[in-house]
Structure formats: C-alpha cells, structure tokens
Amino acid sequence: MPKMKTNRGAAKRFKTTGSGKIVRNKAFSSHILTKKGAKRKRNLRKSGMVDSTNKKQVARLIPYL
C-alpha cells in the first residue's frame, strides 16, 4: 500500500500535541473587528483544541504530523 498524502491545507492549520490532541486556531478574527468586544478579540487570539467529534476526521488529513 502506498504512503498516505498529507492534506497541505490542513497541515498549515493544525498541529498535534505530545499527548495526541490536535490544536487549532480560532475563526472569526480576521475582519469586521469593530463590532466585536476587546475581550472577545483577545480570546480569539488564543488557540483551541479540536473537538472529539471532529478529531478522527482531522487526524485522517494529517497522518504524519
């Protein structure tokens, strides 16, 4: 069986931690920032974890990361 190809778009968006969790960046932080509060914008800068319901799908996209 040939090697699996990594989805390059997903590889730029996700990283795996040492314990196997998948880290993502939060959405909705690139434009239309005037109506969003300072607390909300500050929290959008932080990274988040991929939810357990989506973990299997994302892991399939990044098999070697």
N, C-alpha and C. Protein backbone atom coordinates (compact mmCIF):
# COMPACT_ATOMS: atom_id res chain seq x y z
N MET A 1 0.84 -1.19 0.00
CA MET A 1 0.00 0.00 0.00
C MET A 1 0.89 1.25 0.00
N PRO A 2 0.55 2.25 -0.85
CA PRO A 2 1.38 3.46 -0.88
C PRO A 2 1.19 4.31 0.36
N LYS A 3 2.12 5.21 0.53
CA LYS A 3 2.03 6.13 1.66
C LYS A 3 0.84 7.07 1.49
N MET A 4 0.26 7.49 2.61
CA MET A 4 -0.84 8.46 2.56
C MET A 4 -0.28 9.85 2.33
N LYS A 5 -1.04 10.67 1.62
CA LYS A 5 -0.62 12.05 1.41
C LYS A 5 -1.23 12.93 2.50
N THR A 6 -0.43 13.85 3.01
CA THR A 6 -0.91 14.83 3.97
C THR A 6 -1.67 15.92 3.22
N ASN A 7 -2.82 16.31 3.73
CA ASN A 7 -3.55 17.44 3.18
C ASN A 7 -2.80 18.71 3.58
N ARG A 8 -2.22 19.40 2.61
CA ARG A 8 -1.33 20.52 2.91
C ARG A 8 -2.08 21.71 3.52
N GLY A 9 -3.33 21.90 3.16
CA GLY A 9 -4.11 22.97 3.77
C GLY A 9 -4.34 22.70 5.24
N ALA A 10 -4.63 21.44 5.58
CA ALA A 10 -4.84 21.06 6.97
C ALA A 10 -3.53 21.11 7.75
N ALA A 11 -2.42 20.78 7.11
CA ALA A 11 -1.13 20.78 7.78
C ALA A 11 -0.74 22.18 8.24
N LYS A 12 -1.19 23.20 7.51
CA LYS A 12 -0.89 24.58 7.88
C LYS A 12 -1.82 25.09 8.99
N ARG A 13 -2.95 24.41 9.20
CA ARG A 13 -3.94 24.88 10.16
C ARG A 13 -3.93 24.14 11.49
N PHE A 14 -3.43 22.91 11.50
CA PHE A 14 -3.48 22.09 12.70
C PHE A 14 -2.10 21.62 13.11
N LYS A 15 -1.92 21.44 14.43
CA LYS A 15 -0.70 20.84 14.98
C LYS A 15 -1.13 19.81 16.01
N THR A 16 -0.30 18.82 16.24
CA THR A 16 -0.61 17.84 17.27
C THR A 16 0.27 18.09 18.49
N THR A 17 -0.28 17.86 19.67
CA THR A 17 0.47 18.00 20.91
C THR A 17 1.16 16.68 21.21
N GLY A 18 1.98 16.67 22.23
CA GLY A 18 2.68 15.46 22.61
C GLY A 18 1.75 14.36 23.07
N SER A 19 0.61 14.74 23.66
CA SER A 19 -0.34 13.74 24.15
C SER A 19 -1.31 13.28 23.07
N GLY A 20 -1.19 13.83 21.84
CA GLY A 20 -2.04 13.37 20.74
C GLY A 20 -3.24 14.24 20.45
N LYS A 21 -3.43 15.31 21.21
CA LYS A 21 -4.55 16.21 20.92
C LYS A 21 -4.19 17.07 19.71
N ILE A 22 -5.21 17.60 19.04
CA ILE A 22 -4.99 18.42 17.86
C ILE A 22 -5.35 19.86 18.18
N VAL A 23 -4.40 20.77 17.93
CA VAL A 23 -4.56 22.19 18.24
C VAL A 23 -4.99 22.93 16.98
N ARG A 24 -5.90 23.89 17.14
CA ARG A 24 -6.38 24.69 16.02
C ARG A 24 -6.39 26.15 16.43
N ASN A 25 -6.47 27.02 15.43
CA ASN A 25 -6.66 28.45 15.70
C ASN A 25 -8.14 28.77 15.59
N LYS A 26 -8.58 29.79 16.29
CA LYS A 26 -9.99 30.15 16.29
C LYS A 26 -10.34 30.99 15.08
N ALA A 27 -11.58 30.86 14.62
CA ALA A 27 -12.07 31.59 13.45
C ALA A 27 -12.67 32.94 13.88
N PHE A 28 -13.11 33.71 12.90
CA PHE A 28 -13.82 34.99 13.09
C PHE A 28 -12.93 36.08 13.68
N SER A 29 -11.65 36.08 13.38
CA SER A 29 -10.76 37.09 13.96
C SER A 29 -10.02 37.91 12.92
N SER A 30 -10.41 37.80 11.65
CA SER A 30 -9.61 38.46 10.61
C SER A 30 -10.18 39.81 10.15
N HIS A 31 -11.49 39.98 10.16
CA HIS A 31 -12.06 41.27 9.72
C HIS A 31 -13.39 41.48 10.41
N ILE A 32 -13.97 42.68 10.20
CA ILE A 32 -15.18 43.14 10.90
C ILE A 32 -14.95 43.05 12.41
N LEU A 33 -13.87 43.67 12.86
CA LEU A 33 -13.49 43.59 14.27
C LEU A 33 -14.07 44.74 15.10
N THR A 34 -14.66 45.74 14.43
CA THR A 34 -15.12 46.93 15.17
C THR A 34 -16.30 46.60 16.08
N LYS A 35 -17.16 45.69 15.67
CA LYS A 35 -18.34 45.37 16.48
C LYS A 35 -18.06 44.30 17.53
N LYS A 36 -16.87 43.73 17.52
CA LYS A 36 -16.51 42.71 18.50
C LYS A 36 -15.81 43.35 19.69
N GLY A 37 -16.14 42.90 20.87
CA GLY A 37 -15.57 43.48 22.07
C GLY A 37 -14.11 43.10 22.25
N ALA A 38 -13.41 43.85 23.10
CA ALA A 38 -11.99 43.61 23.34
C ALA A 38 -11.76 42.23 23.95
N LYS A 39 -12.63 41.83 24.86
CA LYS A 39 -12.49 40.51 25.50
C LYS A 39 -12.66 39.39 24.48
N ARG A 40 -13.62 39.55 23.59
CA ARG A 40 -13.86 38.54 22.57
C ARG A 40 -12.68 38.43 21.61
N LYS A 41 -12.13 39.58 21.19
CA LYS A 41 -10.99 39.57 20.27
C LYS A 41 -9.75 38.98 20.93
N ARG A 42 -9.58 39.26 22.20
CA ARG A 42 -8.45 38.72 22.95
C ARG A 42 -8.55 37.19 23.05
N ASN A 43 -9.74 36.67 23.29
CA ASN A 43 -9.94 35.23 23.38
C ASN A 43 -9.81 34.54 22.03
N LEU A 44 -10.08 35.26 20.94
CA LEU A 44 -9.92 34.68 19.61
C LEU A 44 -8.45 34.50 19.24
N ARG A 45 -7.55 35.25 19.88
CA ARG A 45 -6.12 35.10 19.61
C ARG A 45 -5.57 33.79 20.15
N LYS A 46 -6.22 33.25 21.16
CA LYS A 46 -5.74 32.00 21.77
C LYS A 46 -6.09 30.82 20.88
N SER A 47 -5.33 29.76 21.02
CA SER A 47 -5.62 28.55 20.25
C SER A 47 -6.62 27.70 21.01
N GLY A 48 -7.24 26.79 20.29
CA GLY A 48 -8.21 25.88 20.90
C GLY A 48 -7.92 24.46 20.49
N MET A 49 -8.62 23.51 21.07
CA MET A 49 -8.46 22.11 20.73
C MET A 49 -9.57 21.70 19.77
N VAL A 50 -9.26 20.77 18.88
CA VAL A 50 -10.28 20.21 18.00
C VAL A 50 -11.19 19.34 18.85
N ASP A 51 -12.50 19.49 18.65
CA ASP A 51 -13.48 18.74 19.43
C ASP A 51 -13.37 17.24 19.13
N SER A 52 -13.77 16.45 20.11
CA SER A 52 -13.64 14.99 19.97
C SER A 52 -14.47 14.45 18.81
N THR A 53 -15.57 15.14 18.46
CA THR A 53 -16.40 14.68 17.34
C THR A 53 -15.72 14.87 15.99
N ASN A 54 -14.78 15.82 15.89
CA ASN A 54 -14.08 16.10 14.64
C ASN A 54 -12.66 15.55 14.61
N LYS A 55 -12.18 15.02 15.73
CA LYS A 55 -10.77 14.62 15.84
C LYS A 55 -10.39 13.55 14.82
N LYS A 56 -11.26 12.56 14.62
CA LYS A 56 -10.95 11.47 13.69
C LYS A 56 -10.83 11.98 12.26
N GLN A 57 -11.71 12.91 11.86
CA GLN A 57 -11.68 13.46 10.51
C GLN A 57 -10.41 14.26 10.27
N VAL A 58 -10.02 15.08 11.25
CA VAL A 58 -8.83 15.93 11.10
C VAL A 58 -7.57 15.07 11.14
N ALA A 59 -7.56 14.05 11.98
CA ALA A 59 -6.39 13.17 12.09
C ALA A 59 -6.13 12.44 10.77
N ARG A 60 -7.18 12.15 10.05
CA ARG A 60 -7.02 11.48 8.76
C ARG A 60 -6.36 12.41 7.73
N LEU A 61 -6.57 13.71 7.86
CA LEU A 61 -5.97 14.68 6.95
C LEU A 61 -4.48 14.90 7.22
N ILE A 62 -4.07 14.72 8.48
CA ILE A 62 -2.67 14.97 8.85
C ILE A 62 -2.07 13.71 9.49
N PRO A 63 -1.85 12.64 8.69
CA PRO A 63 -1.43 11.37 9.28
C PRO A 63 -0.03 11.37 9.88
N TYR A 64 0.87 12.23 9.41
CA TYR A 64 2.26 12.18 9.87
C TYR A 64 2.67 13.34 10.73
N LEU A 65 1.74 14.21 11.14
CA LEU A 65 2.11 15.37 11.96
C LEU A 65 1.95 15.07 13.43
